[in-house]
Structures are given as C-alpha cells and as structure tokens.
Amino acid sequence: MDSNSGVRVRLIDEADATGRLAELYERAKEVTRLDFVPDMFRLVSSRPELLETMLAGYNGVFNHGRLPRETREMISAWTSKVNQCPYCVGTHNFFLQVFGGSKELAHAIETAESPDDLPVDERDRVLLHLLTKLSLSAYRITDADWQRALDVGWTADDLLEAFFCAALFNFITRLVDGLGLGTTVTRSRISQQELPDGSGSATAATVATAD
C-alpha cells in the first residue's frame, strides 16, 4: 500500500525535482541532517516559494537559538501531541532522543494528557503548561502565566524562542494533518530510523491516530 495514499496534494519525488526545487531539497537535507527529504517538506513541493519559507522557519528554530536542542525537540514533540499529530510526535520524539532526551520522556509524551504526566522537572513543566495554553487558547495567556515561567528560571528571551518553536509546530501540524499526511506515526520516515544508541526506532504503537 502506498504510504502516502490519502495525501491531498502531489508530493514530488527527489528524483523528479529540478531547478529551484532540487536546490531546496538539498537544503532540506542540510538543515535536517538527513539523507532524504521528509514528506512534511514534500507537501509543498509544487510551490517552491512555500517550501523556502518552511525551510527558513525550521532552520531558524532547530539550527540556531539559545535553548538546548533537547528542549526545542521536547517543545516540538509536546506541541504535536497537544495537536494530536502522530506524524510529528514520532518525528520529534526521535530527535528528542537523538539530542539527549530520555526514552522514558519520549514514551510519556505519546500517552500523556497533561505536562503533569511527564517525567520533567518543575521548570520544564511550567513551560509546557504555558505552551499548551499557547496552542489551545493563546488569548487566555495572562501576565501571571508569563511571570510564573520567569519565576522558575526562564528568561524572556527563552520564552520568546519557546513560543516561536511551539507556534511553528501549531502551523506545521495543521498543514500536515489538513493535507492528509499526519494520520499515523508510521508515515514519518524519520520515526522509523534507527536511534544512534542502537535501541531501535522511535516508533511506538501507543501514539493515537489523529481524526
């Protein structure tokens, strides 16, 4: 069965890419440090100008910034879980483990209902509660919410970067799900890769299937 059946737009294969698209595909492999182009990027392959924008956002979040990469991956995986996107949960649970996150945390993200269910410290828990609110009802964020995050040790610059990362994944999960790619974790080719420690892939059957 075609793993991309049900996707609502044309995905251009790497072998068929020419011109600017071929250049952007090479850029996608550079910024993700993978030897293939993830299907998330291929969703906009028929519109290279949109792909260029996606790559700029991805590169800015994951290859630059002040937060540890592990923290950025935790934010991405958790935001994807809040938005019920198995594709993105699988992808970023893989990267979370690659960049130092525990298998315990990755597995907990798959099933947790709240940051309170995650094996994280109070500082991270406060941040993830704030970012959950950002994803579900950003207009309800108060100065008190922001101050609580500052009080546990985050700086305003940290929070700006964390908000940008979570906001980017609110965009990405809606694109992936809306265009029909995000329905199962196994559609994420990244989640099927072997972890560097040889412990197997990051895929877990417990990730819920999106509606």
N, C-alpha and C. Protein backbone atom coordinates (compact mmCIF):
# COMPACT_ATOMS: atom_id res chain seq x y z
N MET A 1 0.85 -1.20 0.00
CA MET A 1 0.00 0.00 0.00
C MET A 1 0.88 1.24 0.00
N ASP A 2 0.54 2.24 -0.78
CA ASP A 2 1.28 3.49 -0.84
C ASP A 2 1.16 4.19 0.51
N SER A 3 2.32 4.47 1.15
CA SER A 3 2.29 5.10 2.46
C SER A 3 1.75 6.51 2.41
N ASN A 4 1.69 7.09 1.21
CA ASN A 4 1.18 8.44 1.07
C ASN A 4 -0.22 8.48 0.46
N SER A 5 -0.91 7.35 0.43
CA SER A 5 -2.29 7.36 -0.04
C SER A 5 -3.12 8.22 0.89
N GLY A 6 -4.01 9.00 0.33
CA GLY A 6 -4.84 9.89 1.13
C GLY A 6 -4.27 11.28 1.29
N VAL A 7 -3.02 11.49 0.90
CA VAL A 7 -2.46 12.83 0.93
C VAL A 7 -3.12 13.64 -0.18
N ARG A 8 -3.52 14.85 0.12
CA ARG A 8 -4.39 15.63 -0.76
C ARG A 8 -3.67 16.47 -1.80
N VAL A 9 -2.34 16.48 -1.77
CA VAL A 9 -1.57 17.24 -2.75
C VAL A 9 -0.49 16.33 -3.34
N ARG A 10 0.08 16.77 -4.45
CA ARG A 10 1.12 15.99 -5.12
C ARG A 10 2.45 16.16 -4.38
N LEU A 11 3.11 15.03 -4.10
CA LEU A 11 4.43 15.05 -3.50
C LEU A 11 5.45 14.73 -4.59
N ILE A 12 6.32 15.66 -4.89
CA ILE A 12 7.30 15.45 -5.96
C ILE A 12 8.48 14.67 -5.41
N ASP A 13 8.79 13.56 -6.05
CA ASP A 13 9.92 12.72 -5.64
C ASP A 13 11.23 13.48 -5.81
N GLU A 14 12.21 13.11 -4.99
CA GLU A 14 13.53 13.73 -5.12
C GLU A 14 14.10 13.53 -6.52
N ALA A 15 13.89 12.35 -7.08
CA ALA A 15 14.45 12.04 -8.39
C ALA A 15 13.84 12.90 -9.50
N ASP A 16 12.65 13.44 -9.24
CA ASP A 16 11.96 14.24 -10.25
C ASP A 16 12.12 15.74 -10.05
N ALA A 17 12.82 16.12 -9.00
CA ALA A 17 12.98 17.54 -8.69
C ALA A 17 14.03 18.17 -9.60
N THR A 18 13.72 19.34 -10.10
CA THR A 18 14.66 20.07 -10.95
C THR A 18 14.72 21.53 -10.51
N GLY A 19 15.71 22.25 -11.00
CA GLY A 19 15.78 23.68 -10.77
C GLY A 19 15.78 24.06 -9.31
N ARG A 20 14.97 25.07 -8.99
CA ARG A 20 14.92 25.60 -7.63
C ARG A 20 14.46 24.54 -6.64
N LEU A 21 13.52 23.69 -7.04
CA LEU A 21 13.05 22.65 -6.13
C LEU A 21 14.18 21.70 -5.77
N ALA A 22 14.98 21.31 -6.73
CA ALA A 22 16.12 20.42 -6.45
C ALA A 22 17.08 21.07 -5.46
N GLU A 23 17.30 22.37 -5.62
CA GLU A 23 18.18 23.09 -4.69
C GLU A 23 17.59 23.10 -3.29
N LEU A 24 16.29 23.31 -3.20
CA LEU A 24 15.64 23.34 -1.90
C LEU A 24 15.61 21.97 -1.25
N TYR A 25 15.48 20.94 -2.04
CA TYR A 25 15.54 19.59 -1.49
C TYR A 25 16.92 19.34 -0.86
N GLU A 26 17.96 19.78 -1.52
CA GLU A 26 19.30 19.64 -0.94
C GLU A 26 19.41 20.45 0.34
N ARG A 27 18.81 21.62 0.34
CA ARG A 27 18.81 22.45 1.55
C ARG A 27 18.05 21.75 2.67
N ALA A 28 16.95 21.09 2.35
CA ALA A 28 16.18 20.37 3.36
C ALA A 28 17.02 19.29 4.01
N LYS A 29 17.81 18.60 3.23
CA LYS A 29 18.67 17.56 3.79
C LYS A 29 19.77 18.16 4.65
N GLU A 30 20.24 19.33 4.27
CA GLU A 30 21.26 20.00 5.08
C GLU A 30 20.70 20.43 6.44
N VAL A 31 19.54 21.06 6.45
CA VAL A 31 19.03 21.61 7.71
C VAL A 31 18.51 20.52 8.63
N THR A 32 18.05 19.39 8.07
CA THR A 32 17.58 18.29 8.92
C THR A 32 18.69 17.29 9.23
N ARG A 33 19.80 17.37 8.49
CA ARG A 33 20.92 16.43 8.65
C ARG A 33 20.49 14.99 8.37
N LEU A 34 19.60 14.86 7.41
CA LEU A 34 19.12 13.56 6.96
C LEU A 34 19.56 13.33 5.52
N ASP A 35 19.53 12.08 5.09
CA ASP A 35 19.91 11.78 3.71
C ASP A 35 18.70 11.64 2.80
N PHE A 36 17.54 12.09 3.28
CA PHE A 36 16.33 12.11 2.46
C PHE A 36 15.51 13.34 2.84
N VAL A 37 14.57 13.70 1.99
CA VAL A 37 13.71 14.85 2.26
C VAL A 37 12.45 14.37 2.97
N PRO A 38 12.21 14.80 4.21
CA PRO A 38 10.99 14.39 4.90
C PRO A 38 9.74 14.79 4.13
N ASP A 39 8.72 13.95 4.19
CA ASP A 39 7.49 14.21 3.44
C ASP A 39 6.80 15.49 3.88
N MET A 40 7.04 15.94 5.11
CA MET A 40 6.47 17.21 5.54
C MET A 40 6.85 18.33 4.57
N PHE A 41 8.11 18.35 4.16
CA PHE A 41 8.56 19.37 3.22
C PHE A 41 8.03 19.10 1.81
N ARG A 42 7.89 17.83 1.48
CA ARG A 42 7.41 17.50 0.14
C ARG A 42 5.94 17.90 -0.05
N LEU A 43 5.22 18.14 1.06
CA LEU A 43 3.83 18.58 0.94
C LEU A 43 3.71 19.87 0.12
N VAL A 44 4.72 20.72 0.18
CA VAL A 44 4.67 21.99 -0.55
C VAL A 44 5.65 21.99 -1.72
N SER A 45 5.99 20.82 -2.19
CA SER A 45 6.99 20.72 -3.26
C SER A 45 6.52 21.31 -4.58
N SER A 46 5.22 21.40 -4.78
CA SER A 46 4.71 22.01 -6.01
C SER A 46 4.75 23.54 -5.95
N ARG A 47 5.10 24.07 -4.77
CA ARG A 47 5.20 25.52 -4.58
C ARG A 47 6.53 25.83 -3.89
N PRO A 48 7.63 25.89 -4.65
CA PRO A 48 8.94 26.09 -4.04
C PRO A 48 9.05 27.31 -3.14
N GLU A 49 8.29 28.37 -3.44
CA GLU A 49 8.37 29.56 -2.59
C GLU A 49 7.83 29.28 -1.18
N LEU A 50 6.85 28.38 -1.08
CA LEU A 50 6.35 28.00 0.23
C LEU A 50 7.34 27.08 0.94
N LEU A 51 7.96 26.20 0.20
CA LEU A 51 8.98 25.32 0.77
C LEU A 51 10.13 26.15 1.32
N GLU A 52 10.51 27.18 0.61
CA GLU A 52 11.60 28.04 1.08
C GLU A 52 11.26 28.66 2.43
N THR A 53 10.02 29.09 2.59
CA THR A 53 9.58 29.67 3.85
C THR A 53 9.61 28.64 4.97
N MET A 54 9.14 27.42 4.68
CA MET A 54 9.16 26.36 5.69
C MET A 54 10.57 26.03 6.13
N LEU A 55 11.48 25.97 5.17
CA LEU A 55 12.87 25.65 5.50
C LEU A 55 13.51 26.74 6.34
N ALA A 56 13.18 27.98 6.04
CA ALA A 56 13.73 29.09 6.83
C ALA A 56 13.27 28.99 8.28
N GLY A 57 11.98 28.68 8.49
CA GLY A 57 11.47 28.55 9.84
C GLY A 57 12.09 27.37 10.58
N TYR A 58 12.17 26.23 9.90
CA TYR A 58 12.75 25.04 10.51
C TYR A 58 14.21 25.27 10.88
N ASN A 59 14.97 25.83 9.94
CA ASN A 59 16.38 26.07 10.18
C ASN A 59 16.58 27.05 11.33
N GLY A 60 15.75 28.10 11.38
CA GLY A 60 15.88 29.08 12.45
C GLY A 60 15.62 28.49 13.81
N VAL A 61 14.64 27.61 13.91
CA VAL A 61 14.29 27.01 15.19
C VAL A 61 15.30 25.95 15.62
N PHE A 62 15.70 25.07 14.70
CA PHE A 62 16.47 23.91 15.12
C PHE A 62 17.98 24.03 14.98
N ASN A 63 18.46 24.93 14.17
CA ASN A 63 19.90 25.05 14.00
C ASN A 63 20.48 26.34 14.55
N HIS A 64 19.64 27.13 15.21
CA HIS A 64 20.09 28.38 15.81
C HIS A 64 19.34 28.57 17.11
N GLY A 65 19.69 29.58 17.87
CA GLY A 65 18.94 29.87 19.07
C GLY A 65 19.70 29.55 20.35
N ARG A 66 19.07 29.87 21.47
CA ARG A 66 19.72 29.77 22.78
C ARG A 66 19.28 28.55 23.57
N LEU A 67 18.10 28.04 23.33
CA LEU A 67 17.62 26.89 24.07
C LEU A 67 18.36 25.63 23.63
N PRO A 68 18.62 24.70 24.53
CA PRO A 68 19.23 23.43 24.12
C PRO A 68 18.35 22.73 23.08
N ARG A 69 18.99 22.03 22.15
CA ARG A 69 18.22 21.33 21.11
C ARG A 69 17.25 20.33 21.75
N GLU A 70 17.66 19.70 22.83
CA GLU A 70 16.77 18.76 23.51
C GLU A 70 15.48 19.45 23.95
N THR A 71 15.60 20.68 24.47
CA THR A 71 14.42 21.43 24.90
C THR A 71 13.54 21.78 23.72
N ARG A 72 14.15 22.19 22.62
CA ARG A 72 13.36 22.54 21.43
C ARG A 72 12.62 21.32 20.89
N GLU A 73 13.25 20.15 20.93
CA GLU A 73 12.59 18.94 20.46
C GLU A 73 11.47 18.52 21.41
N MET A 74 11.69 18.71 22.71
CA MET A 74 10.62 18.42 23.68
C MET A 74 9.41 19.31 23.40
N ILE A 75 9.65 20.59 23.16
CA ILE A 75 8.56 21.52 22.85
C ILE A 75 7.84 21.08 21.58
N SER A 76 8.60 20.70 20.56
CA SER A 76 8.00 20.30 19.28
C SER A 76 7.18 19.03 19.43
N ALA A 77 7.73 18.04 20.14
CA ALA A 77 7.01 16.79 20.34
C ALA A 77 5.75 17.02 21.17
N TRP A 78 5.86 17.83 22.25
CA TRP A 78 4.70 18.04 23.10
C TRP A 78 3.62 18.84 22.36
N THR A 79 4.01 19.87 21.64
CA THR A 79 3.02 20.65 20.88
C THR A 79 2.32 19.76 19.86
N SER A 80 3.06 18.85 19.24
CA SER A 80 2.47 17.91 18.28
C SER A 80 1.48 16.98 18.98
N LYS A 81 1.81 16.58 20.21
CA LYS A 81 0.89 15.73 20.98
C LYS A 81 -0.37 16.50 21.33
N VAL A 82 -0.23 17.75 21.77
CA VAL A 82 -1.39 18.58 22.09
C VAL A 82 -2.31 18.69 20.87
N ASN A 83 -1.70 18.78 19.69
CA ASN A 83 -2.47 18.91 18.45
C ASN A 83 -2.85 17.56 17.84
N GLN A 84 -2.52 16.45 18.52
CA GLN A 84 -2.90 15.10 18.10
C GLN A 84 -2.40 14.79 16.68
N CYS A 85 -1.11 15.05 16.45
CA CYS A 85 -0.49 14.76 15.15
C CYS A 85 0.55 13.66 15.33
N PRO A 86 0.18 12.39 15.14
CA PRO A 86 1.11 11.29 15.33
C PRO A 86 2.37 11.40 14.49
N TYR A 87 2.24 11.88 13.26
CA TYR A 87 3.41 12.04 12.38
C TYR A 87 4.48 12.89 13.06
N CYS A 88 4.07 14.05 13.57
CA CYS A 88 5.04 14.98 14.15
C CYS A 88 5.50 14.53 15.53
N VAL A 89 4.63 13.85 16.29
CA VAL A 89 5.07 13.29 17.56
C VAL A 89 6.19 12.28 17.32
N GLY A 90 5.99 11.38 16.36
CA GLY A 90 7.01 10.38 16.07
C GLY A 90 8.31 11.00 15.60
N THR A 91 8.20 11.99 14.72
CA THR A 91 9.39 12.65 14.20
C THR A 91 10.20 13.30 15.32
N HIS A 92 9.53 14.04 16.17
CA HIS A 92 10.28 14.83 17.15
C HIS A 92 10.57 14.07 18.44
N ASN A 93 9.87 12.97 18.68
CA ASN A 93 10.34 12.06 19.73
C ASN A 93 11.64 11.38 19.31
N PHE A 94 11.79 11.11 18.02
CA PHE A 94 13.05 10.57 17.53
C PHE A 94 14.17 11.57 17.78
N PHE A 95 13.98 12.81 17.32
CA PHE A 95 15.02 13.82 17.50
C PHE A 95 15.25 14.13 18.98
N LEU A 96 14.19 14.10 19.78
CA LEU A 96 14.36 14.31 21.22
C LEU A 96 15.36 13.33 21.80
N GLN A 97 15.26 12.07 21.43
CA GLN A 97 16.18 11.06 21.94
C GLN A 97 17.57 11.21 21.33
N VAL A 98 17.65 11.59 20.07
CA VAL A 98 18.95 11.81 19.43
C VAL A 98 19.73 12.90 20.17
N PHE A 99 19.02 13.93 20.62
CA PHE A 99 19.69 15.08 21.23
C PHE A 99 19.65 15.06 22.76
N GLY A 100 19.52 13.87 23.34
CA GLY A 100 19.74 13.73 24.77
C GLY A 100 18.53 13.46 25.63
N GLY A 101 17.32 13.53 25.07
CA GLY A 101 16.13 13.23 25.84
C GLY A 101 16.01 11.75 26.12
N SER A 102 15.37 11.42 27.21
CA SER A 102 15.26 10.01 27.59
C SER A 102 14.15 9.29 26.83
N LYS A 103 14.32 7.99 26.70
CA LYS A 103 13.27 7.16 26.11
C LYS A 103 12.01 7.24 26.97
N GLU A 104 12.18 7.35 28.28
CA GLU A 104 11.05 7.46 29.19
C GLU A 104 10.21 8.70 28.86
N LEU A 105 10.87 9.83 28.61
CA LEU A 105 10.14 11.05 28.29
C LEU A 105 9.45 10.92 26.95
N ALA A 106 10.16 10.38 25.95
CA ALA A 106 9.55 10.22 24.63
C ALA A 106 8.30 9.35 24.70
N HIS A 107 8.36 8.25 25.41
CA HIS A 107 7.20 7.37 25.54
C HIS A 107 6.07 8.06 26.32
N ALA A 108 6.42 8.84 27.33
CA ALA A 108 5.40 9.52 28.11
C ALA A 108 4.66 10.56 27.26
N ILE A 109 5.37 11.24 26.38
CA ILE A 109 4.73 12.23 25.52
C ILE A 109 3.66 11.58 24.65
N GLU A 110 3.87 10.34 24.25
CA GLU A 110 2.91 9.66 23.38
C GLU A 110 1.55 9.49 24.03
N THR A 111 1.51 9.36 25.34
CA THR A 111 0.26 9.00 26.02
C THR A 111 -0.23 10.03 27.03
N ALA A 112 0.61 11.00 27.36
CA ALA A 112 0.26 11.95 28.43
C ALA A 112 -0.94 12.81 28.05
N GLU A 113 -1.72 13.17 29.05
CA GLU A 113 -2.84 14.08 28.87
C GLU A 113 -2.47 15.50 29.27
N SER A 114 -1.40 15.63 30.05
CA SER A 114 -1.01 16.92 30.60
C SER A 114 0.49 16.90 30.87
N PRO A 115 1.14 18.07 30.90
CA PRO A 115 2.55 18.09 31.31
C PRO A 115 2.78 17.49 32.69
N ASP A 116 1.74 17.45 33.51
CA ASP A 116 1.87 16.83 34.83
C ASP A 116 2.14 15.33 34.74
N ASP A 117 1.86 14.73 33.59
CA ASP A 117 2.09 13.30 33.40
C ASP A 117 3.49 12.99 32.89
N LEU A 118 4.30 14.01 32.66
CA LEU A 118 5.62 13.82 32.06
C LEU A 118 6.72 13.78 33.11
N PRO A 119 7.78 12.99 32.88
CA PRO A 119 8.91 12.94 33.81
C PRO A 119 9.88 14.09 33.56
N VAL A 120 9.40 15.31 33.89
CA VAL A 120 10.22 16.52 33.73
C VAL A 120 10.24 17.28 35.04
N ASP A 121 11.20 18.19 35.18
CA ASP A 121 11.28 18.98 36.41
C ASP A 121 10.26 20.12 36.38
N GLU A 122 10.15 20.83 37.49
CA GLU A 122 9.13 21.87 37.62
C GLU A 122 9.34 22.98 36.60
N ARG A 123 10.57 23.29 36.30
CA ARG A 123 10.85 24.35 35.33
C ARG A 123 10.28 24.00 33.96
N ASP A 124 10.55 22.79 33.49
CA ASP A 124 10.01 22.35 32.20
C ASP A 124 8.50 22.20 32.25
N ARG A 125 7.99 21.73 33.38
CA ARG A 125 6.54 21.53 33.50
C ARG A 125 5.79 22.86 33.38
N VAL A 126 6.30 23.89 34.02
CA VAL A 126 5.68 25.21 33.91
C VAL A 126 5.71 25.70 32.47
N LEU A 127 6.84 25.50 31.81
CA LEU A 127 6.96 25.92 30.41
C LEU A 127 5.96 25.18 29.53
N LEU A 128 5.85 23.87 29.70
CA LEU A 128 4.96 23.09 28.83
C LEU A 128 3.49 23.41 29.11
N HIS A 129 3.14 23.73 30.35
CA HIS A 129 1.78 24.18 30.62
C HIS A 129 1.50 25.49 29.88
N LEU A 130 2.46 26.39 29.90
CA LEU A 130 2.29 27.67 29.21
C LEU A 130 2.15 27.46 27.71
N LEU A 131 2.96 26.56 27.16
CA LEU A 131 2.90 26.31 25.71
C LEU A 131 1.65 25.53 25.32
N THR A 132 1.13 24.73 26.23
CA THR A 132 -0.15 24.08 25.97
C THR A 132 -1.25 25.12 25.83
N LYS A 133 -1.21 26.10 26.71
CA LYS A 133 -2.19 27.19 26.65
C LYS A 133 -2.01 27.99 25.36
N LEU A 134 -0.77 28.19 24.95
CA LEU A 134 -0.50 28.87 23.68
C LEU A 134 -1.15 28.13 22.53
N SER A 135 -1.06 26.81 22.52
CA SER A 135 -1.60 26.01 21.43
C SER A 135 -3.12 25.96 21.43
N LEU A 136 -3.72 25.90 22.61
CA LEU A 136 -5.17 25.68 22.70
C LEU A 136 -5.98 26.96 22.84
N SER A 137 -5.42 27.94 23.50
CA SER A 137 -6.19 29.18 23.75
C SER A 137 -5.21 30.31 24.08
N ALA A 138 -4.45 30.72 23.09
CA ALA A 138 -3.39 31.72 23.31
C ALA A 138 -3.93 33.01 23.89
N TYR A 139 -5.14 33.37 23.54
CA TYR A 139 -5.73 34.63 24.01
C TYR A 139 -5.95 34.64 25.51
N ARG A 140 -5.88 33.47 26.14
CA ARG A 140 -6.10 33.38 27.58
C ARG A 140 -4.81 33.47 28.40
N ILE A 141 -3.67 33.58 27.73
CA ILE A 141 -2.41 33.73 28.45
C ILE A 141 -2.39 35.08 29.16
N THR A 142 -2.03 35.05 30.42
CA THR A 142 -2.03 36.26 31.24
C THR A 142 -0.61 36.65 31.63
N ASP A 143 -0.48 37.86 32.16
CA ASP A 143 0.81 38.29 32.68
C ASP A 143 1.25 37.38 33.82
N ALA A 144 0.30 36.87 34.59
CA ALA A 144 0.64 35.95 35.69
C ALA A 144 1.23 34.65 35.15
N ASP A 145 0.69 34.14 34.04
CA ASP A 145 1.25 32.93 33.41
C ASP A 145 2.71 33.17 33.01
N TRP A 146 2.93 34.32 32.38
CA TRP A 146 4.27 34.67 31.92
C TRP A 146 5.21 34.82 33.12
N GLN A 147 4.75 35.49 34.15
CA GLN A 147 5.59 35.72 35.32
C GLN A 147 5.95 34.41 36.02
N ARG A 148 5.01 33.47 36.04
CA ARG A 148 5.30 32.19 36.68
C ARG A 148 6.47 31.49 35.97
N ALA A 149 6.49 31.58 34.63
CA ALA A 149 7.60 30.98 33.88
C ALA A 149 8.91 31.69 34.19
N LEU A 150 8.87 33.00 34.33
CA LEU A 150 10.07 33.75 34.71
C LEU A 150 10.54 33.34 36.11
N ASP A 151 9.58 33.15 37.00
CA ASP A 151 9.91 32.84 38.40
C ASP A 151 10.61 31.50 38.55
N VAL A 152 10.35 30.55 37.63
CA VAL A 152 11.01 29.23 37.75
C VAL A 152 12.32 29.18 36.98
N GLY A 153 12.72 30.30 36.37
CA GLY A 153 14.06 30.34 35.80
C GLY A 153 14.18 30.60 34.32
N TRP A 154 13.07 30.69 33.60
CA TRP A 154 13.15 31.03 32.18
C TRP A 154 13.31 32.53 32.02
N THR A 155 14.05 32.96 31.01
CA THR A 155 14.16 34.38 30.71
C THR A 155 13.16 34.76 29.63
N ALA A 156 12.95 36.05 29.44
CA ALA A 156 12.04 36.50 28.39
C ALA A 156 12.53 36.04 27.02
N ASP A 157 13.84 36.06 26.79
CA ASP A 157 14.38 35.59 25.51
C ASP A 157 14.14 34.09 25.33
N ASP A 158 14.31 33.32 26.42
CA ASP A 158 14.00 31.89 26.37
C ASP A 158 12.55 31.68 25.95
N LEU A 159 11.66 32.42 26.58
CA LEU A 159 10.23 32.23 26.33
C LEU A 159 9.85 32.66 24.92
N LEU A 160 10.47 33.72 24.41
CA LEU A 160 10.21 34.12 23.03
C LEU A 160 10.57 33.00 22.07
N GLU A 161 11.73 32.38 22.29
CA GLU A 161 12.14 31.28 21.42
C GLU A 161 11.22 30.08 21.58
N ALA A 162 10.84 29.77 22.81
CA ALA A 162 9.94 28.65 23.05
C ALA A 162 8.58 28.90 22.41
N PHE A 163 8.07 30.13 22.50
CA PHE A 163 6.80 30.47 21.87
C PHE A 163 6.90 30.33 20.35
N PHE A 164 8.00 30.79 19.78
CA PHE A 164 8.16 30.69 18.33
C PHE A 164 8.19 29.23 17.90
N CYS A 165 8.92 28.39 18.65
CA CYS A 165 9.01 26.97 18.32
C CYS A 165 7.63 26.32 18.39
N ALA A 166 6.89 26.57 19.47
CA ALA A 166 5.56 25.98 19.60
C ALA A 166 4.61 26.52 18.53
N ALA A 167 4.71 27.81 18.24
CA ALA A 167 3.85 28.40 17.21
C ALA A 167 4.15 27.80 15.84
N LEU A 168 5.44 27.58 15.56
CA LEU A 168 5.81 26.94 14.30
C LEU A 168 5.17 25.57 14.20
N PHE A 169 5.13 24.82 15.31
CA PHE A 169 4.55 23.49 15.24
C PHE A 169 3.03 23.50 15.25
N ASN A 170 2.43 24.55 15.74
CA ASN A 170 1.00 24.69 15.52
C ASN A 170 0.71 24.85 14.03
N PHE A 171 1.55 25.57 13.34
CA PHE A 171 1.43 25.71 11.89
C PHE A 171 1.70 24.38 11.18
N ILE A 172 2.82 23.74 11.53
CA ILE A 172 3.22 22.52 10.84
C ILE A 172 2.20 21.40 11.03
N THR A 173 1.72 21.21 12.26
CA THR A 173 0.78 20.11 12.48
C THR A 173 -0.52 20.33 11.73
N ARG A 174 -0.94 21.57 11.61
CA ARG A 174 -2.17 21.83 10.85
C ARG A 174 -1.97 21.60 9.37
N LEU A 175 -0.81 21.93 8.87
CA LEU A 175 -0.51 21.67 7.46
C LEU A 175 -0.45 20.16 7.21
N VAL A 176 0.30 19.47 8.05
CA VAL A 176 0.48 18.02 7.89
C VAL A 176 -0.86 17.28 8.02
N ASP A 177 -1.64 17.62 9.03
CA ASP A 177 -2.92 16.94 9.22
C ASP A 177 -3.95 17.35 8.18
N GLY A 178 -4.01 18.65 7.90
CA GLY A 178 -5.01 19.13 6.96
C GLY A 178 -4.83 18.59 5.56
N LEU A 179 -3.57 18.33 5.18
CA LEU A 179 -3.29 17.81 3.84
C LEU A 179 -3.22 16.29 3.81
N GLY A 180 -3.53 15.64 4.94
CA GLY A 180 -3.72 14.19 4.94
C GLY A 180 -2.49 13.36 5.20
N LEU A 181 -1.39 13.98 5.65
CA LEU A 181 -0.17 13.21 5.88
C LEU A 181 -0.06 12.69 7.31
N GLY A 182 -0.65 13.38 8.26
CA GLY A 182 -0.31 13.15 9.66
C GLY A 182 -1.07 12.07 10.39
N THR A 183 -1.80 11.21 9.70
CA THR A 183 -2.73 10.32 10.38
C THR A 183 -2.10 9.21 11.21
N THR A 184 -0.87 8.79 10.90
CA THR A 184 -0.23 7.73 11.68
C THR A 184 1.25 8.04 11.87
N VAL A 185 1.80 7.54 12.96
CA VAL A 185 3.22 7.75 13.23
C VAL A 185 4.10 7.07 12.17
N THR A 186 3.64 5.95 11.62
CA THR A 186 4.47 5.20 10.67
C THR A 186 4.66 5.94 9.36
N ARG A 187 3.86 6.98 9.12
CA ARG A 187 4.11 7.79 7.93
C ARG A 187 5.36 8.66 8.06
N SER A 188 5.81 8.85 9.27
CA SER A 188 7.03 9.63 9.49
C SER A 188 8.24 8.75 9.24
N ARG A 189 8.92 8.98 8.13
CA ARG A 189 10.12 8.21 7.82
C ARG A 189 11.21 8.43 8.87
N ILE A 190 11.20 9.62 9.46
CA ILE A 190 12.20 9.91 10.49
C ILE A 190 12.00 9.01 11.70
N SER A 191 10.74 8.81 12.10
CA SER A 191 10.47 7.99 13.28
C SER A 191 10.88 6.53 13.08
N GLN A 192 11.07 6.12 11.83
CA GLN A 192 11.45 4.74 11.55
C GLN A 192 12.96 4.54 11.53
N GLN A 193 13.72 5.62 11.70
CA GLN A 193 15.17 5.50 11.66
C GLN A 193 15.70 4.88 12.95
N GLU A 194 16.84 4.23 12.84
CA GLU A 194 17.49 3.63 14.00
C GLU A 194 18.07 4.72 14.88
N LEU A 195 17.82 4.63 16.18
CA LEU A 195 18.41 5.58 17.10
C LEU A 195 19.92 5.36 17.19
N PRO A 196 20.68 6.41 17.45
CA PRO A 196 22.14 6.27 17.47
C PRO A 196 22.66 5.25 18.46
N ASP A 197 21.92 5.00 19.56
CA ASP A 197 22.39 4.02 20.54
C ASP A 197 22.04 2.59 20.17
N GLY A 198 21.40 2.42 18.99
CA GLY A 198 21.08 1.09 18.52
C GLY A 198 19.88 0.47 19.19
N SER A 199 19.09 1.29 19.90
CA SER A 199 17.98 0.74 20.67
C SER A 199 16.70 0.58 19.85
N GLY A 200 16.80 0.75 18.56
CA GLY A 200 15.63 0.58 17.70
C GLY A 200 15.09 1.91 17.25
N SER A 201 13.93 1.89 16.58
CA SER A 201 13.33 3.12 16.09
C SER A 201 12.55 3.80 17.20
N ALA A 202 12.18 5.07 16.94
CA ALA A 202 11.42 5.83 17.93
C ALA A 202 9.93 5.58 17.84
N THR A 203 9.51 4.75 16.92
CA THR A 203 8.09 4.49 16.74
C THR A 203 7.49 3.71 17.90
N ALA A 204 6.29 4.09 18.29
CA ALA A 204 5.56 3.32 19.31
C ALA A 204 4.10 3.25 18.90
N ALA A 205 3.52 2.08 19.09
CA ALA A 205 2.14 1.86 18.65
C ALA A 205 1.14 2.63 19.49
N THR A 206 1.59 3.17 20.63
CA THR A 206 0.65 3.84 21.52
C THR A 206 0.31 5.25 21.08
N VAL A 207 0.98 5.79 20.06
CA VAL A 207 0.62 7.12 19.59
C VAL A 207 -0.75 7.05 18.94
N ALA A 208 -1.65 7.92 19.39
CA ALA A 208 -3.03 7.88 18.90
C ALA A 208 -3.10 8.29 17.44
N THR A 209 -4.02 7.71 16.73
CA THR A 209 -4.27 8.11 15.34
C THR A 209 -5.15 9.34 15.34
N ALA A 210 -4.69 10.35 14.59
CA ALA A 210 -5.46 11.59 14.51
C ALA A 210 -6.78 11.34 13.79
N ASP A 211 -7.79 12.12 14.14
CA ASP A 211 -9.08 12.03 13.46
C ASP A 211 -8.98 12.55 12.04
